[in-house]
PDB file of all heavy atoms in Angstrom:
ATOM      1  N   PRO A   1      12.975  83.051 107.796  1.00  0.00           N
ATOM      2  CA  PRO A   1      12.428  81.740 107.444  1.00  0.00           C
ATOM      3  C   PRO A   1      11.058  81.533 108.077  1.00  0.00           C
ATOM      4  O   PRO A   1      10.818  81.938 109.211  1.00  0.00           O
ATOM      5  CB  PRO A   1      13.456  80.760 108.011  1.00  0.00           C
ATOM      6  CG  PRO A   1      14.726  81.551 108.056  1.00  0.00           C
ATOM      7  CD  PRO A   1      14.290  82.953 108.406  1.00  0.00           C
ATOM      8  N   GLY A   2      10.153  80.956 107.317  1.00  0.00           N
ATOM      9  CA  GLY A   2       8.799  80.730 107.804  1.00  0.00           C
ATOM     10  C   GLY A   2       7.828  81.819 107.404  1.00  0.00           C
ATOM     11  O   GLY A   2       6.623  81.657 107.553  1.00  0.00           O
ATOM     12  N   ASP A   3       8.322  82.927 106.859  1.00  0.00           N
ATOM     13  CA  ASP A   3       7.463  84.038 106.438  1.00  0.00           C
ATOM     14  C   ASP A   3       6.731  83.649 105.152  1.00  0.00           C
ATOM     15  O   ASP A   3       7.340  83.490 104.103  1.00  0.00           O
ATOM     16  CB  ASP A   3       8.319  85.285 106.221  1.00  0.00           C
ATOM     17  CG  ASP A   3       7.514  86.500 105.809  1.00  0.00           C
ATOM     18  OD1 ASP A   3       6.294  86.387 105.590  1.00  0.00           O
ATOM     19  OD2 ASP A   3       8.125  87.581 105.703  1.00  0.00           O
ATOM     20  N   HIS A   4       5.424  83.516 105.233  1.00  0.00           N
ATOM     21  CA  HIS A   4       4.616  83.097 104.080  1.00  0.00           C
ATOM     22  C   HIS A   4       4.454  84.209 103.044  1.00  0.00           C
ATOM     23  O   HIS A   4       4.102  83.938 101.897  1.00  0.00           O
ATOM     24  CB  HIS A   4       3.229  82.633 104.538  1.00  0.00           C
ATOM     25  CG  HIS A   4       3.271  81.367 105.332  1.00  0.00           C
ATOM     26  ND1 HIS A   4       3.327  80.126 104.756  1.00  0.00           N
ATOM     27  CD2 HIS A   4       3.307  81.158 106.672  1.00  0.00           C
ATOM     28  CE1 HIS A   4       3.380  79.198 105.690  1.00  0.00           C
ATOM     29  NE2 HIS A   4       3.366  79.794 106.869  1.00  0.00           N
ATOM     30  N   ASP A   5       4.689  85.464 103.428  1.00  0.00           N
ATOM     31  CA  ASP A   5       4.448  86.588 102.531  1.00  0.00           C
ATOM     32  C   ASP A   5       5.674  87.012 101.729  1.00  0.00           C
ATOM     33  O   ASP A   5       5.550  87.783 100.788  1.00  0.00           O
ATOM     34  CB  ASP A   5       3.946  87.796 103.336  1.00  0.00           C
ATOM     35  CG  ASP A   5       2.600  87.523 103.988  1.00  0.00           C
ATOM     36  OD1 ASP A   5       1.782  86.786 103.391  1.00  0.00           O
ATOM     37  OD2 ASP A   5       2.367  88.033 105.094  1.00  0.00           O
ATOM     38  N   THR A   6       6.840  86.537 102.095  1.00  0.00           N
ATOM     39  CA  THR A   6       8.068  86.950 101.417  1.00  0.00           C
ATOM     40  C   THR A   6       8.499  85.901 100.400  1.00  0.00           C
ATOM     41  O   THR A   6       8.662  84.732 100.733  1.00  0.00           O
ATOM     42  CB  THR A   6       9.206  87.161 102.439  1.00  0.00           C
ATOM     43  OG1 THR A   6       8.796  88.160 103.369  1.00  0.00           O
ATOM     44  CG2 THR A   6      10.485  87.602 101.746  1.00  0.00           C
ATOM     45  N   VAL A   7       8.680  86.354  99.151  1.00  0.00           N
ATOM     46  CA  VAL A   7       9.196  85.487  98.095  1.00  0.00           C
ATOM     47  C   VAL A   7      10.623  85.925  97.814  1.00  0.00           C
ATOM     48  O   VAL A   7      10.892  87.104  97.574  1.00  0.00           O
ATOM     49  CB  VAL A   7       8.337  85.566  96.818  1.00  0.00           C
ATOM     50  CG1 VAL A   7       8.957  84.731  95.701  1.00  0.00           C
ATOM     51  CG2 VAL A   7       6.920  85.092  97.111  1.00  0.00           C
ATOM     52  N   LEU A   8      11.536  84.976  97.880  1.00  0.00           N
ATOM     53  CA  LEU A   8      12.959  85.244  97.699  1.00  0.00           C
ATOM     54  C   LEU A   8      13.406  84.819  96.310  1.00  0.00           C
ATOM     55  O   LEU A   8      12.888  83.854  95.751  1.00  0.00           O
ATOM     56  CB  LEU A   8      13.764  84.481  98.752  1.00  0.00           C
ATOM     57  CG  LEU A   8      13.396  84.774 100.199  1.00  0.00           C
ATOM     58  CD1 LEU A   8      14.017  83.743 101.122  1.00  0.00           C
ATOM     59  CD2 LEU A   8      13.837  86.180 100.577  1.00  0.00           C
ATOM     60  N   SER A   9      14.393  85.524  95.785  1.00  0.00           N
ATOM     61  CA  SER A   9      14.987  85.187  94.493  1.00  0.00           C
ATOM     62  C   SER A   9      16.481  84.967  94.694  1.00  0.00           C
ATOM     63  O   SER A   9      17.191  85.862  95.163  1.00  0.00           O
ATOM     64  CB  SER A   9      14.747  86.326  93.496  1.00  0.00           C
ATOM     65  OG  SER A   9      15.341  86.013  92.250  1.00  0.00           O
ATOM     66  N   VAL A  10      16.963  83.784  94.358  1.00  0.00           N
ATOM     67  CA  VAL A  10      18.359  83.417  94.570  1.00  0.00           C
ATOM     68  C   VAL A  10      19.257  84.115  93.546  1.00  0.00           C
ATOM     69  O   VAL A  10      19.011  84.043  92.348  1.00  0.00           O
ATOM     70  CB  VAL A  10      18.563  81.886  94.458  1.00  0.00           C
ATOM     71  CG1 VAL A  10      20.025  81.516  94.649  1.00  0.00           C
ATOM     72  CG2 VAL A  10      17.681  81.143  95.444  1.00  0.00           C
ATOM     73  N   LEU A  11      20.282  84.774  94.048  1.00  0.00           N
ATOM     74  CA  LEU A  11      21.302  85.357  93.179  1.00  0.00           C
ATOM     75  C   LEU A  11      22.466  84.388  92.999  1.00  0.00           C
ATOM     76  O   LEU A  11      22.957  84.188  91.891  1.00  0.00           O
ATOM     77  CB  LEU A  11      21.823  86.680  93.747  1.00  0.00           C
ATOM     78  CG  LEU A  11      20.825  87.825  93.834  1.00  0.00           C
ATOM     79  CD1 LEU A  11      21.477  89.056  94.457  1.00  0.00           C
ATOM     80  CD2 LEU A  11      20.268  88.156  92.453  1.00  0.00           C
ATOM     81  N   SER A  12      22.911  83.783  94.125  1.00  0.00           N
ATOM     82  CA  SER A  12      24.062  82.882  94.036  1.00  0.00           C
ATOM     83  C   SER A  12      24.142  81.976  95.258  1.00  0.00           C
ATOM     84  O   SER A  12      23.501  82.221  96.276  1.00  0.00           O
ATOM     85  CB  SER A  12      25.371  83.675  93.919  1.00  0.00           C
ATOM     86  OG  SER A  12      25.602  84.403  95.111  1.00  0.00           O
ATOM     87  N   MET A  13      24.943  80.943  95.106  1.00  0.00           N
ATOM     88  CA  MET A  13      25.280  80.041  96.201  1.00  0.00           C
ATOM     89  C   MET A  13      26.797  79.856  96.134  1.00  0.00           C
ATOM     90  O   MET A  13      27.328  79.437  95.101  1.00  0.00           O
ATOM     91  CB  MET A  13      24.571  78.694  96.041  1.00  0.00           C
ATOM     92  CG  MET A  13      24.848  77.732  97.178  1.00  0.00           C
ATOM     93  SD  MET A  13      23.836  76.240  97.133  1.00  0.00           S
ATOM     94  CE  MET A  13      24.456  75.427  95.679  1.00  0.00           C
ATOM     95  N   THR A  14      27.485  80.200  97.229  1.00  0.00           N
ATOM     96  CA  THR A  14      28.941  80.120  97.236  1.00  0.00           C
ATOM     97  C   THR A  14      29.419  79.325  98.448  1.00  0.00           C
ATOM     98  O   THR A  14      28.671  79.123  99.402  1.00  0.00           O
ATOM     99  CB  THR A  14      29.579  81.526  97.274  1.00  0.00           C
ATOM    100  OG1 THR A  14      29.076  82.230  98.416  1.00  0.00           O
ATOM    101  CG2 THR A  14      29.262  82.309  96.014  1.00  0.00           C
ATOM    102  N   PHE A  15      30.669  78.912  98.388  1.00  0.00           N
ATOM    103  CA  PHE A  15      31.288  78.199  99.505  1.00  0.00           C
ATOM    104  C   PHE A  15      32.516  78.967  99.944  1.00  0.00           C
ATOM    105  O   PHE A  15      33.372  79.329  99.132  1.00  0.00           O
ATOM    106  CB  PHE A  15      31.680  76.778  99.102  1.00  0.00           C
ATOM    107  CG  PHE A  15      32.380  76.021 100.195  1.00  0.00           C
ATOM    108  CD1 PHE A  15      31.702  75.657 101.352  1.00  0.00           C
ATOM    109  CD2 PHE A  15      33.715  75.690 100.073  1.00  0.00           C
ATOM    110  CE1 PHE A  15      32.352  74.967 102.386  1.00  0.00           C
ATOM    111  CE2 PHE A  15      34.374  74.990 101.087  1.00  0.00           C
ATOM    112  CZ  PHE A  15      33.681  74.637 102.241  1.00  0.00           C
ATOM    113  N   GLU A  16      32.597  79.221 101.249  1.00  0.00           N
ATOM    114  CA  GLU A  16      33.776  79.850 101.843  1.00  0.00           C
ATOM    115  C   GLU A  16      34.483  78.794 102.684  1.00  0.00           C
ATOM    116  O   GLU A  16      33.999  78.428 103.757  1.00  0.00           O
ATOM    117  CB  GLU A  16      33.363  81.038 102.710  1.00  0.00           C
ATOM    118  CG  GLU A  16      32.728  82.167 101.937  1.00  0.00           C
ATOM    119  CD  GLU A  16      32.272  83.315 102.815  1.00  0.00           C
ATOM    120  OE1 GLU A  16      32.328  83.209 104.065  1.00  0.00           O
ATOM    121  OE2 GLU A  16      31.835  84.325 102.243  1.00  0.00           O
ATOM    122  N   PRO A  17      35.619  78.281 102.206  1.00  0.00           N
ATOM    123  CA  PRO A  17      36.303  77.203 102.937  1.00  0.00           C
ATOM    124  C   PRO A  17      36.924  77.686 104.241  1.00  0.00           C
ATOM    125  O   PRO A  17      37.316  78.833 104.374  1.00  0.00           O
ATOM    126  CB  PRO A  17      37.378  76.732 101.959  1.00  0.00           C
ATOM    127  CG  PRO A  17      37.589  77.862 101.024  1.00  0.00           C
ATOM    128  CD  PRO A  17      36.300  78.633 100.975  1.00  0.00           C
ATOM    129  N   ALA A  18      36.989  76.761 105.182  1.00  0.00           N
ATOM    130  CA  ALA A  18      37.671  76.990 106.463  1.00  0.00           C
ATOM    131  C   ALA A  18      38.658  75.839 106.635  1.00  0.00           C
ATOM    132  O   ALA A  18      39.111  75.264 105.647  1.00  0.00           O
ATOM    133  CB  ALA A  18      36.660  77.058 107.609  1.00  0.00           C
ATOM    134  N   GLU A  19      38.928  75.467 107.864  1.00  0.00           N
ATOM    135  CA  GLU A  19      39.912  74.422 108.128  1.00  0.00           C
ATOM    136  C   GLU A  19      39.359  73.017 107.906  1.00  0.00           C
ATOM    137  O   GLU A  19      38.209  72.739 108.234  1.00  0.00           O
ATOM    138  CB  GLU A  19      40.411  74.542 109.570  1.00  0.00           C
ATOM    139  CG  GLU A  19      41.148  75.834 109.852  1.00  0.00           C
ATOM    140  CD  GLU A  19      41.593  75.938 111.298  1.00  0.00           C
ATOM    141  OE1 GLU A  19      41.521  74.931 112.030  1.00  0.00           O
ATOM    142  OE2 GLU A  19      42.007  77.029 111.693  1.00  0.00           O
ATOM    143  N   GLU A  20      40.187  72.158 107.361  1.00  0.00           N
ATOM    144  CA  GLU A  20      39.923  70.722 107.249  1.00  0.00           C
ATOM    145  C   GLU A  20      38.563  70.380 106.653  1.00  0.00           C
ATOM    146  O   GLU A  20      37.838  69.528 107.174  1.00  0.00           O
ATOM    147  CB  GLU A  20      40.102  70.058 108.607  1.00  0.00           C
ATOM    148  CG  GLU A  20      41.507  70.214 109.141  1.00  0.00           C
ATOM    149  CD  GLU A  20      41.700  69.493 110.467  1.00  0.00           C
ATOM    150  OE1 GLU A  20      40.924  68.577 110.784  1.00  0.00           O
ATOM    151  OE2 GLU A  20      42.645  69.875 111.171  1.00  0.00           O
ATOM    152  N   GLY A  21      38.185  71.033 105.561  1.00  0.00           N
ATOM    153  CA  GLY A  21      36.951  70.695 104.858  1.00  0.00           C
ATOM    154  C   GLY A  21      35.708  71.385 105.368  1.00  0.00           C
ATOM    155  O   GLY A  21      34.651  71.272 104.775  1.00  0.00           O
ATOM    156  N   THR A  22      35.808  72.067 106.502  1.00  0.00           N
ATOM    157  CA  THR A  22      34.646  72.805 107.001  1.00  0.00           C
ATOM    158  C   THR A  22      34.538  74.118 106.243  1.00  0.00           C
ATOM    159  O   THR A  22      35.392  74.474 105.436  1.00  0.00           O
ATOM    160  CB  THR A  22      34.762  73.082 108.515  1.00  0.00           C
ATOM    161  OG1 THR A  22      35.872  73.956 108.736  1.00  0.00           O
ATOM    162  CG2 THR A  22      34.942  71.792 109.305  1.00  0.00           C
ATOM    163  N   GLY A  23      33.475  74.860 106.512  1.00  0.00           N
ATOM    164  CA  GLY A  23      33.320  76.148 105.862  1.00  0.00           C
ATOM    165  C   GLY A  23      31.889  76.624 105.959  1.00  0.00           C
ATOM    166  O   GLY A  23      31.125  76.179 106.825  1.00  0.00           O
ATOM    167  N   ALA A  24      31.539  77.513 105.048  1.00  0.00           N
ATOM    168  CA  ALA A  24      30.193  78.078 105.040  1.00  0.00           C
ATOM    169  C   ALA A  24      29.656  78.112 103.623  1.00  0.00           C
ATOM    170  O   ALA A  24      30.360  78.501 102.688  1.00  0.00           O
ATOM    171  CB  ALA A  24      30.201  79.478 105.629  1.00  0.00           C
ATOM    172  N   ILE A  25      28.416  77.692 103.484  1.00  0.00           N
ATOM    173  CA  ILE A  25      27.695  77.827 102.224  1.00  0.00           C
ATOM    174  C   ILE A  25      26.796  79.043 102.387  1.00  0.00           C
ATOM    175  O   ILE A  25      26.028  79.132 103.345  1.00  0.00           O
ATOM    176  CB  ILE A  25      26.882  76.556 101.908  1.00  0.00           C
ATOM    177  CG1 ILE A  25      27.849  75.395 101.654  1.00  0.00           C
ATOM    178  CG2 ILE A  25      25.960  76.791 100.714  1.00  0.00           C
ATOM    179  CD1 ILE A  25      27.196  74.049 101.513  1.00  0.00           C
ATOM    180  N   ILE A  26      26.929  79.990 101.455  1.00  0.00           N
ATOM    181  CA  ILE A  26      26.178  81.237 101.522  1.00  0.00           C
ATOM    182  C   ILE A  26      25.173  81.276 100.379  1.00  0.00           C
ATOM    183  O   ILE A  26      25.549  81.181  99.210  1.00  0.00           O
ATOM    184  CB  ILE A  26      27.102  82.471 101.391  1.00  0.00           C
ATOM    185  CG1 ILE A  26      28.323  82.375 102.300  1.00  0.00           C
ATOM    186  CG2 ILE A  26      26.303  83.754 101.575  1.00  0.00           C
ATOM    187  CD1 ILE A  26      28.048  82.505 103.750  1.00  0.00           C
ATOM    188  N   LEU A  27      23.899  81.402 100.728  1.00  0.00           N
ATOM    189  CA  LEU A  27      22.843  81.640  99.747  1.00  0.00           C
ATOM    190  C   LEU A  27      22.555  83.132  99.776  1.00  0.00           C
ATOM    191  O   LEU A  27      22.170  83.672 100.820  1.00  0.00           O
ATOM    192  CB  LEU A  27      21.575  80.864 100.100  1.00  0.00           C
ATOM    193  CG  LEU A  27      21.630  79.359  99.917  1.00  0.00           C
ATOM    194  CD1 LEU A  27      20.451  78.702 100.617  1.00  0.00           C
ATOM    195  CD2 LEU A  27      21.615  79.026  98.440  1.00  0.00           C
ATOM    196  N   THR A  28      22.755  83.806  98.646  1.00  0.00           N
ATOM    197  CA  THR A  28      22.516  85.241  98.553  1.00  0.00           C
ATOM    198  C   THR A  28      21.269  85.476  97.725  1.00  0.00           C
ATOM    199  O   THR A  28      21.103  84.887  96.656  1.00  0.00           O
ATOM    200  CB  THR A  28      23.725  85.956  97.913  1.00  0.00           C
ATOM    201  OG1 THR A  28      24.900  85.629  98.663  1.00  0.00           O
ATOM    202  CG2 THR A  28      23.534  87.459  97.893  1.00  0.00           C
ATOM    203  N   PHE A  29      20.392  86.346  98.249  1.00  0.00           N
ATOM    204  CA  PHE A  29      19.110  86.631  97.602  1.00  0.00           C
ATOM    205  C   PHE A  29      19.054  88.078  97.136  1.00  0.00           C
ATOM    206  O   PHE A  29      19.733  88.947  97.687  1.00  0.00           O
ATOM    207  CB  PHE A  29      17.958  86.369  98.585  1.00  0.00           C
ATOM    208  CG  PHE A  29      17.920  84.965  99.091  1.00  0.00           C
ATOM    209  CD1 PHE A  29      18.488  84.634 100.312  1.00  0.00           C
ATOM    210  CD2 PHE A  29      17.334  83.961  98.349  1.00  0.00           C
ATOM    211  CE1 PHE A  29      18.469  83.342 100.789  1.00  0.00           C
ATOM    212  CE2 PHE A  29      17.304  82.650  98.808  1.00  0.00           C
ATOM    213  CZ  PHE A  29      17.873  82.336 100.033  1.00  0.00           C
ATOM    214  N   ALA A  30      18.219  88.349  96.147  1.00  0.00           N
ATOM    215  CA  ALA A  30      17.982  89.715  95.708  1.00  0.00           C
ATOM    216  C   ALA A  30      17.438  90.505  96.893  1.00  0.00           C
ATOM    217  O   ALA A  30      16.730  89.959  97.735  1.00  0.00           O
ATOM    218  CB  ALA A  30      16.989  89.730  94.551  1.00  0.00           C
ATOM    219  N   GLY A  31      17.784  91.779  96.968  1.00  0.00           N
ATOM    220  CA  GLY A  31      17.306  92.611  98.064  1.00  0.00           C
ATOM    221  C   GLY A  31      18.158  92.520  99.307  1.00  0.00           C
ATOM    222  O   GLY A  31      17.706  92.817 100.396  1.00  0.00           O
ATOM    223  N   ASP A  32      19.388  92.072  99.181  1.00  0.00           N
ATOM    224  CA  ASP A  32      20.354  92.032 100.280  1.00  0.00           C
ATOM    225  C   ASP A  32      20.097  90.968 101.337  1.00  0.00           C
ATOM    226  O   ASP A  32      20.631  91.053 102.432  1.00  0.00           O
ATOM    227  CB  ASP A  32      20.482  93.400 100.968  1.00  0.00           C
ATOM    228  CG  ASP A  32      21.034  94.456 100.031  1.00  0.00           C
ATOM    229  OD1 ASP A  32      21.861  94.095  99.182  1.00  0.00           O
ATOM    230  OD2 ASP A  32      20.636  95.627 100.154  1.00  0.00           O
ATOM    231  N   GLY A  33      19.300  89.964 101.059  1.00  0.00           N
ATOM    232  CA  GLY A  33      19.106  88.878 102.004  1.00  0.00           C
ATOM    233  C   GLY A  33      20.156  87.801 101.811  1.00  0.00           C
ATOM    234  O   GLY A  33      20.684  87.620 100.716  1.00  0.00           O
ATOM    235  N   ALA A  34      20.463  87.075 102.879  1.00  0.00           N
ATOM    236  CA  ALA A  34      21.439  85.988 102.790  1.00  0.00           C
ATOM    237  C   ALA A  34      21.205  84.981 103.901  1.00  0.00           C
ATOM    238  O   ALA A  34      20.690  85.312 104.970  1.00  0.00           O
ATOM    239  CB  ALA A  34      22.862  86.534 102.874  1.00  0.00           C
ATOM    240  N   ILE A  35      21.585  83.754 103.619  1.00  0.00           N
ATOM    241  CA  ILE A  35      21.582  82.690 104.618  1.00  0.00           C
ATOM    242  C   ILE A  35      22.969  82.065 104.604  1.00  0.00           C
ATOM    243  O   ILE A  35      23.488  81.703 103.544  1.00  0.00           O
ATOM    244  CB  ILE A  35      20.510  81.619 104.326  1.00  0.00           C
ATOM    245  CG1 ILE A  35      19.118  82.241 104.416  1.00  0.00           C
ATOM    246  CG2 ILE A  35      20.645  80.444 105.288  1.00  0.00           C
ATOM    247  CD1 ILE A  35      17.996  81.300 104.074  1.00  0.00           C
ATOM    248  N   LYS A  36      23.560  81.964 105.788  1.00  0.00           N
ATOM    249  CA  LYS A  36      24.887  81.356 105.935  1.00  0.00           C
ATOM    250  C   LYS A  36      24.713  80.032 106.656  1.00  0.00           C
ATOM    251  O   LYS A  36      24.164  79.979 107.755  1.00  0.00           O
ATOM    252  CB  LYS A  36      25.806  82.268 106.746  1.00  0.00           C
ATOM    253  CG  LYS A  36      27.191  81.706 106.961  1.00  0.00           C
ATOM    254  CD  LYS A  36      28.032  82.668 107.784  1.00  0.00           C
ATOM    255  CE  LYS A  36      29.411  82.102 108.037  1.00  0.00           C
ATOM    256  NZ  LYS A  36      30.194  82.980 108.921  1.00  0.00           N
TER     257      LYS A  36
END
């Protein structure tokens, strides 16, 4: 994050549920990048 030279392309956005409504939202990008 903050890299001005890298352009990311979104492949998907998913939700992995955990306990009591918590969980993780995963943004997956082309080229094997991801943000959890």
